PDB file of N, CA and C in Angstrom:
ATOM      1  N   MET A   1      13.190   2.879 -13.209  1.00  0.00           N
ATOM      2  CA  MET A   1      12.650   4.145 -12.744  1.00  0.00           C
ATOM      3  C   MET A   1      13.551   4.776 -11.692  1.00  0.00           C
ATOM      4  N   GLY A   2      14.513   4.034 -11.189  1.00  0.00           N
ATOM      5  CA  GLY A   2      15.458   4.607 -10.246  1.00  0.00           C
ATOM      6  C   GLY A   2      14.849   4.955  -8.913  1.00  0.00           C
ATOM      7  N   LYS A   3      15.210   6.117  -8.409  1.00  0.00           N
ATOM      8  CA  LYS A   3      14.775   6.504  -7.069  1.00  0.00           C
ATOM      9  C   LYS A   3      13.295   6.877  -7.002  1.00  0.00           C
ATOM     10  N   TYR A   4      12.651   7.091  -8.128  1.00  0.00           N
ATOM     11  CA  TYR A   4      11.226   7.429  -8.136  1.00  0.00           C
ATOM     12  C   TYR A   4      10.331   6.191  -8.254  1.00  0.00           C
ATOM     13  N   SER A   5      10.914   5.031  -8.370  1.00  0.00           N
ATOM     14  CA  SER A   5      10.116   3.817  -8.562  1.00  0.00           C
ATOM     15  C   SER A   5       9.228   3.521  -7.356  1.00  0.00           C
ATOM     16  N   VAL A   6       9.728   3.762  -6.160  1.00  0.00           N
ATOM     17  CA  VAL A   6       8.936   3.501  -4.955  1.00  0.00           C
ATOM     18  C   VAL A   6       7.727   4.427  -4.912  1.00  0.00           C
ATOM     19  N   LEU A   7       7.942   5.708  -5.130  1.00  0.00           N
ATOM     20  CA  LEU A   7       6.848   6.675  -5.102  1.00  0.00           C
ATOM     21  C   LEU A   7       5.814   6.374  -6.189  1.00  0.00           C
ATOM     22  N   LEU A   8       6.266   6.086  -7.386  1.00  0.00           N
ATOM     23  CA  LEU A   8       5.353   5.767  -8.483  1.00  0.00           C
ATOM     24  C   LEU A   8       4.556   4.497  -8.182  1.00  0.00           C
ATOM     25  N   ASN A   9       5.212   3.502  -7.642  1.00  0.00           N
ATOM     26  CA  ASN A   9       4.543   2.251  -7.312  1.00  0.00           C
ATOM     27  C   ASN A   9       3.478   2.457  -6.239  1.00  0.00           C
ATOM     28  N   VAL A  10       3.777   3.244  -5.229  1.00  0.00           N
ATOM     29  CA  VAL A  10       2.806   3.522  -4.166  1.00  0.00           C
ATOM     30  C   VAL A  10       1.605   4.296  -4.710  1.00  0.00           C
ATOM     31  N   ILE A  11       1.856   5.278  -5.535  1.00  0.00           N
ATOM     32  CA  ILE A  11       0.754   6.066  -6.096  1.00  0.00           C
ATOM     33  C   ILE A  11      -0.121   5.206  -6.998  1.00  0.00           C
ATOM     34  N   LEU A  12       0.487   4.409  -7.853  1.00  0.00           N
ATOM     35  CA  LEU A  12      -0.299   3.535  -8.727  1.00  0.00           C
ATOM     36  C   LEU A  12      -1.091   2.511  -7.928  1.00  0.00           C
ATOM     37  N   PHE A  13      -0.489   1.949  -6.885  1.00  0.00           N
ATOM     38  CA  PHE A  13      -1.191   0.996  -6.028  1.00  0.00           C
ATOM     39  C   PHE A  13      -2.393   1.658  -5.369  1.00  0.00           C
ATOM     40  N   SER A  14      -2.205   2.859  -4.859  1.00  0.00           N
ATOM     41  CA  SER A  14      -3.283   3.561  -4.162  1.00  0.00           C
ATOM     42  C   SER A  14      -4.419   3.944  -5.098  1.00  0.00           C
ATOM     43  N   VAL A  15      -4.093   4.438  -6.274  1.00  0.00           N
ATOM     44  CA  VAL A  15      -5.115   4.857  -7.232  1.00  0.00           C
ATOM     45  C   VAL A  15      -5.829   3.648  -7.836  1.00  0.00           C
ATOM     46  N   TYR A  16      -5.121   2.522  -7.962  1.00  0.00           N
ATOM     47  CA  TYR A  16      -5.740   1.324  -8.529  1.00  0.00           C
ATOM     48  C   TYR A  16      -6.911   0.843  -7.674  1.00  0.00           C
ATOM     49  N   HIS A  17      -6.830   1.070  -6.376  1.00  0.00           N
ATOM     50  CA  HIS A  17      -7.921   0.675  -5.480  1.00  0.00           C
ATOM     51  C   HIS A  17      -8.975   1.782  -5.461  1.00  0.00           C
ATOM     52  N   PHE A  18      -9.579   2.010  -6.628  1.00  0.00           N
ATOM     53  CA  PHE A  18     -10.503   3.115  -6.839  1.00  0.00           C
ATOM     54  C   PHE A  18     -11.829   2.952  -6.114  1.00  0.00           C
ATOM     55  N   TRP A  19     -12.158   1.747  -5.642  1.00  0.00           N
ATOM     56  CA  TRP A  19     -13.436   1.534  -4.973  1.00  0.00           C
ATOM     57  C   TRP A  19     -13.454   2.133  -3.569  1.00  0.00           C
ATOM     58  N   SER A  20     -12.299   2.549  -3.078  1.00  0.00           N
ATOM     59  CA  SER A  20     -12.249   3.221  -1.773  1.00  0.00           C
ATOM     60  C   SER A  20     -11.407   4.495  -1.890  1.00  0.00           C
ATOM     61  N   PRO A  21     -11.946   5.493  -2.593  1.00  0.00           N
ATOM     62  CA  PRO A  21     -11.164   6.709  -2.832  1.00  0.00           C
ATOM     63  C   PRO A  21     -10.835   7.484  -1.558  1.00  0.00           C
ATOM     64  N   TRP A  22     -11.613   7.282  -0.490  1.00  0.00           N
ATOM     65  CA  TRP A  22     -11.342   7.971   0.764  1.00  0.00           C
ATOM     66  C   TRP A  22     -10.053   7.478   1.420  1.00  0.00           C
ATOM     67  N   LEU A  23      -9.493   6.387   0.942  1.00  0.00           N
ATOM     68  CA  LEU A  23      -8.266   5.845   1.528  1.00  0.00           C
ATOM     69  C   LEU A  23      -7.019   6.091   0.680  1.00  0.00           C
ATOM     70  N   ILE A  24      -7.148   6.805  -0.432  1.00  0.00           N
ATOM     71  CA  ILE A  24      -6.000   6.989  -1.328  1.00  0.00           C
ATOM     72  C   ILE A  24      -4.852   7.706  -0.622  1.00  0.00           C
ATOM     73  N   ILE A  25      -5.138   8.806   0.035  1.00  0.00           N
ATOM     74  CA  ILE A  25      -4.079   9.557   0.721  1.00  0.00           C
ATOM     75  C   ILE A  25      -3.501   8.732   1.871  1.00  0.00           C
ATOM     76  N   ALA A  26      -4.363   8.066   2.627  1.00  0.00           N
ATOM     77  CA  ALA A  26      -3.885   7.237   3.740  1.00  0.00           C
ATOM     78  C   ALA A  26      -3.010   6.094   3.228  1.00  0.00           C
ATOM     79  N   ARG A  27      -3.399   5.507   2.098  1.00  0.00           N
ATOM     80  CA  ARG A  27      -2.582   4.432   1.519  1.00  0.00           C
ATOM     81  C   ARG A  27      -1.213   4.945   1.100  1.00  0.00           C
ATOM     82  N   ILE A  28      -1.197   6.095   0.458  1.00  0.00           N
ATOM     83  CA  ILE A  28       0.084   6.651   0.010  1.00  0.00           C
ATOM     84  C   ILE A  28       0.991   6.912   1.209  1.00  0.00           C
ATOM     85  N   LEU A  29       0.460   7.547   2.230  1.00  0.00           N
ATOM     86  CA  LEU A  29       1.272   7.864   3.406  1.00  0.00           C
ATOM     87  C   LEU A  29       1.673   6.612   4.185  1.00  0.00           C
ATOM     88  N   GLY A  30       0.780   5.642   4.249  1.00  0.00           N
ATOM     89  CA  GLY A  30       1.080   4.421   4.995  1.00  0.00           C
ATOM     90  C   GLY A  30       1.978   3.456   4.244  1.00  0.00           C
ATOM     91  N   MET A  31       1.845   3.419   2.940  1.00  0.00           N
ATOM     92  CA  MET A  31       2.590   2.445   2.146  1.00  0.00           C
ATOM     93  C   MET A  31       3.986   2.913   1.768  1.00  0.00           C
ATOM     94  N   LEU A  32       4.199   4.197   1.731  1.00  0.00           N
ATOM     95  CA  LEU A  32       5.497   4.713   1.300  1.00  0.00           C
ATOM     96  C   LEU A  32       6.660   4.150   2.119  1.00  0.00           C
ATOM     97  N   PRO A  33       6.603   4.177   3.455  1.00  0.00           N
ATOM     98  CA  PRO A  33       7.725   3.589   4.202  1.00  0.00           C
ATOM     99  C   PRO A  33       7.837   2.078   4.005  1.00  0.00           C
ATOM    100  N   LEU A  34       6.695   1.410   3.878  1.00  0.00           N
ATOM    101  CA  LEU A  34       6.736  -0.046   3.693  1.00  0.00           C
ATOM    102  C   LEU A  34       7.339  -0.414   2.341  1.00  0.00           C
ATOM    103  N   TYR A  35       6.927   0.287   1.293  1.00  0.00           N
ATOM    104  CA  TYR A  35       7.487   0.023  -0.032  1.00  0.00           C
ATOM    105  C   TYR A  35       8.971   0.348  -0.083  1.00  0.00           C
ATOM    106  N   TYR A  36       9.355   1.397   0.630  1.00  0.00           N
ATOM    107  CA  TYR A  36      10.771   1.763   0.656  1.00  0.00           C
ATOM    108  C   TYR A  36      11.597   0.656   1.316  1.00  0.00           C
ATOM    109  N   CYS A  37      11.073   0.087   2.410  1.00  0.00           N
ATOM    110  CA  CYS A  37      11.773  -1.026   3.076  1.00  0.00           C
ATOM    111  C   CYS A  37      11.883  -2.232   2.150  1.00  0.00           C
ATOM    112  N   VAL A  38      10.812  -2.550   1.455  1.00  0.00           N
ATOM    113  CA  VAL A  38      10.834  -3.672   0.513  1.00  0.00           C
ATOM    114  C   VAL A  38      11.847  -3.408  -0.594  1.00  0.00           C
ATOM    115  N   TYR A  39      11.890  -2.172  -1.072  1.00  0.00           N
ATOM    116  CA  TYR A  39      12.830  -1.800  -2.132  1.00  0.00           C
ATOM    117  C   TYR A  39      14.274  -1.936  -1.650  1.00  0.00           C
ATOM    118  N   LYS A  40      14.541  -1.478  -0.440  1.00  0.00           N
ATOM    119  CA  LYS A  40      15.902  -1.533   0.088  1.00  0.00           C
ATOM    120  C   LYS A  40      16.326  -2.970   0.422  1.00  0.00           C
ATOM    121  N   LYS A  41      15.407  -3.765   0.961  1.00  0.00           N
ATOM    122  CA  LYS A  41      15.724  -5.151   1.336  1.00  0.00           C
ATOM    123  C   LYS A  41      15.726  -6.078   0.122  1.00  0.00           C
ATOM    124  N   ASP A  42      15.026  -5.686  -0.932  1.00  0.00           N
ATOM    125  CA  ASP A  42      14.919  -6.496  -2.150  1.00  0.00           C
ATOM    126  C   ASP A  42      14.436  -7.909  -1.825  1.00  0.00           C
ATOM    127  N   SER A  43      13.335  -7.962  -1.048  1.00  0.00           N
ATOM    128  CA  SER A  43      12.829  -9.236  -0.546  1.00  0.00           C
ATOM    129  C   SER A  43      11.408  -9.488  -1.041  1.00  0.00           C
ATOM    130  N   LEU A  44      11.223 -10.578  -1.742  1.00  0.00           N
ATOM    131  CA  LEU A  44       9.897 -10.953  -2.218  1.00  0.00           C
ATOM    132  C   LEU A  44       8.994 -11.349  -1.052  1.00  0.00           C
ATOM    133  N   LYS A  45       9.541 -12.022  -0.063  1.00  0.00           N
ATOM    134  CA  LYS A  45       8.749 -12.419   1.110  1.00  0.00           C
ATOM    135  C   LYS A  45       8.214 -11.193   1.844  1.00  0.00           C
ATOM    136  N   LEU A  46       9.042 -10.190   2.001  1.00  0.00           N
ATOM    137  CA  LEU A  46       8.608  -8.969   2.660  1.00  0.00           C
ATOM    138  C   LEU A  46       7.538  -8.263   1.833  1.00  0.00           C
ATOM    139  N   ALA A  47       7.677  -8.263   0.519  1.00  0.00           N
ATOM    140  CA  ALA A  47       6.675  -7.650  -0.359  1.00  0.00           C
ATOM    141  C   ALA A  47       5.323  -8.360  -0.227  1.00  0.00           C
ATOM    142  N   ILE A  48       5.345  -9.672  -0.148  1.00  0.00           N
ATOM    143  CA  ILE A  48       4.111 -10.439   0.016  1.00  0.00           C
ATOM    144  C   ILE A  48       3.481 -10.146   1.371  1.00  0.00           C
ATOM    145  N   LEU A  49       4.295 -10.073   2.407  1.00  0.00           N
ATOM    146  CA  LEU A  49       3.792  -9.759   3.742  1.00  0.00           C
ATOM    147  C   LEU A  49       3.157  -8.366   3.780  1.00  0.00           C
ATOM    148  N   VAL A  50       3.807  -7.403   3.180  1.00  0.00           N
ATOM    149  CA  VAL A  50       3.270  -6.038   3.140  1.00  0.00           C
ATOM    150  C   VAL A  50       1.943  -6.016   2.397  1.00  0.00           C
ATOM    151  N   HIS A  51       1.854  -6.714   1.292  1.00  0.00           N
ATOM    152  CA  HIS A  51       0.604  -6.750   0.534  1.00  0.00           C
ATOM    153  C   HIS A  51      -0.517  -7.377   1.364  1.00  0.00           C
ATOM    154  N   CYS A  52      -0.217  -8.447   2.060  1.00  0.00           N
ATOM    155  CA  CYS A  52      -1.219  -9.094   2.923  1.00  0.00           C
ATOM    156  C   CYS A  52      -1.667  -8.161   4.043  1.00  0.00           C
ATOM    157  N   LEU A  53      -0.739  -7.422   4.630  1.00  0.00           N
ATOM    158  CA  LEU A  53      -1.092  -6.481   5.685  1.00  0.00           C
ATOM    159  C   LEU A  53      -1.989  -5.359   5.166  1.00  0.00           C
ATOM    160  N   VAL A  54      -1.708  -4.889   3.984  1.00  0.00           N
ATOM    161  CA  VAL A  54      -2.537  -3.837   3.401  1.00  0.00           C
ATOM    162  C   VAL A  54      -3.939  -4.365   3.099  1.00  0.00           C
ATOM    163  N   ASN A  55      -4.026  -5.565   2.567  1.00  0.00           N
ATOM    164  CA  ASN A  55      -5.343  -6.155   2.306  1.00  0.00           C
ATOM    165  C   ASN A  55      -6.124  -6.333   3.599  1.00  0.00           C
ATOM    166  N   PHE A  56      -5.450  -6.761   4.645  1.00  0.00           N
ATOM    167  CA  PHE A  56      -6.098  -6.931   5.942  1.00  0.00           C
ATOM    168  C   PHE A  56      -6.606  -5.594   6.461  1.00  0.00           C
ATOM    169  N   THR A  57      -5.807  -4.561   6.324  1.00  0.00           N
ATOM    170  CA  THR A  57      -6.208  -3.225   6.759  1.00  0.00           C
ATOM    171  C   THR A  57      -7.430  -2.745   5.993  1.00  0.00           C
ATOM    172  N   ASP A  58      -7.472  -3.005   4.698  1.00  0.00           N
ATOM    173  CA  ASP A  58      -8.641  -2.628   3.898  1.00  0.00           C
ATOM    174  C   ASP A  58      -9.896  -3.349   4.369  1.00  0.00           C
ATOM    175  N   VAL A  59      -9.772  -4.617   4.658  1.00  0.00           N
ATOM    176  CA  VAL A  59     -10.937  -5.400   5.117  1.00  0.00           C
ATOM    177  C   VAL A  59     -11.435  -4.873   6.454  1.00  0.00           C
ATOM    178  N   VAL A  60     -10.525  -4.600   7.363  1.00  0.00           N
ATOM    179  CA  VAL A  60     -10.913  -4.095   8.678  1.00  0.00           C
ATOM    180  C   VAL A  60     -11.587  -2.717   8.545  1.00  0.00           C
ATOM    181  N   SER A  61     -11.014  -1.838   7.737  1.00  0.00           N
ATOM    182  CA  SER A  61     -11.627  -0.509   7.575  1.00  0.00           C
ATOM    183  C   SER A  61     -12.996  -0.609   6.921  1.00  0.00           C
ATOM    184  N   PHE A  62     -13.159  -1.513   5.979  1.00  0.00           N
ATOM    185  CA  PHE A  62     -14.454  -1.701   5.336  1.00  0.00           C
ATOM    186  C   PHE A  62     -15.474  -2.251   6.332  1.00  0.00           C
ATOM    187  N   MET A  63     -15.054  -3.177   7.163  1.00  0.00           N
ATOM    188  CA  MET A  63     -15.953  -3.745   8.176  1.00  0.00           C
ATOM    189  C   MET A  63     -16.387  -2.675   9.176  1.00  0.00           C
ATOM    190  N   LEU A  64     -15.472  -1.779   9.527  1.00  0.00           N
ATOM    191  CA  LEU A  64     -15.829  -0.693  10.451  1.00  0.00           C
ATOM    192  C   LEU A  64     -16.822   0.270   9.826  1.00  0.00           C
ATOM    193  N   LEU A  65     -16.733   0.455   8.515  1.00  0.00           N
ATOM    194  CA  LEU A  65     -17.684   1.328   7.832  1.00  0.00           C
ATOM    195  C   LEU A  65     -19.081   0.724   7.784  1.00  0.00           C
ATOM    196  N   LEU A  66     -19.155  -0.595   7.817  1.00  0.00           N
ATOM    197  CA  LEU A  66     -20.466  -1.259   7.762  1.00  0.00           C
ATOM    198  C   LEU A  66     -21.222  -1.200   9.085  1.00  0.00           C
ATOM    199  N   LYS A  67     -20.506  -0.971  10.163  1.00  0.00           N
ATOM    200  CA  LYS A  67     -21.167  -0.946  11.475  1.00  0.00           C
ATOM    201  C   LYS A  67     -21.958   0.293  11.683  1.00  0.00           C
TER     202      LYS A  67
END
């Protein structure tokens, strides 16, 4: 996909998490720089870390909504 692979990956990741549609735009804006860094570094460890951080952020935001 070339230079559009990062953008496409971020959009697909954000839309795939359809159970929280209020976070789609925030995910796209927040994940774009992180995905770009992973793409440039070509690091699987960094990709796993970024995914874990995003999951943690989702859990925290969901917990705040429950309060």
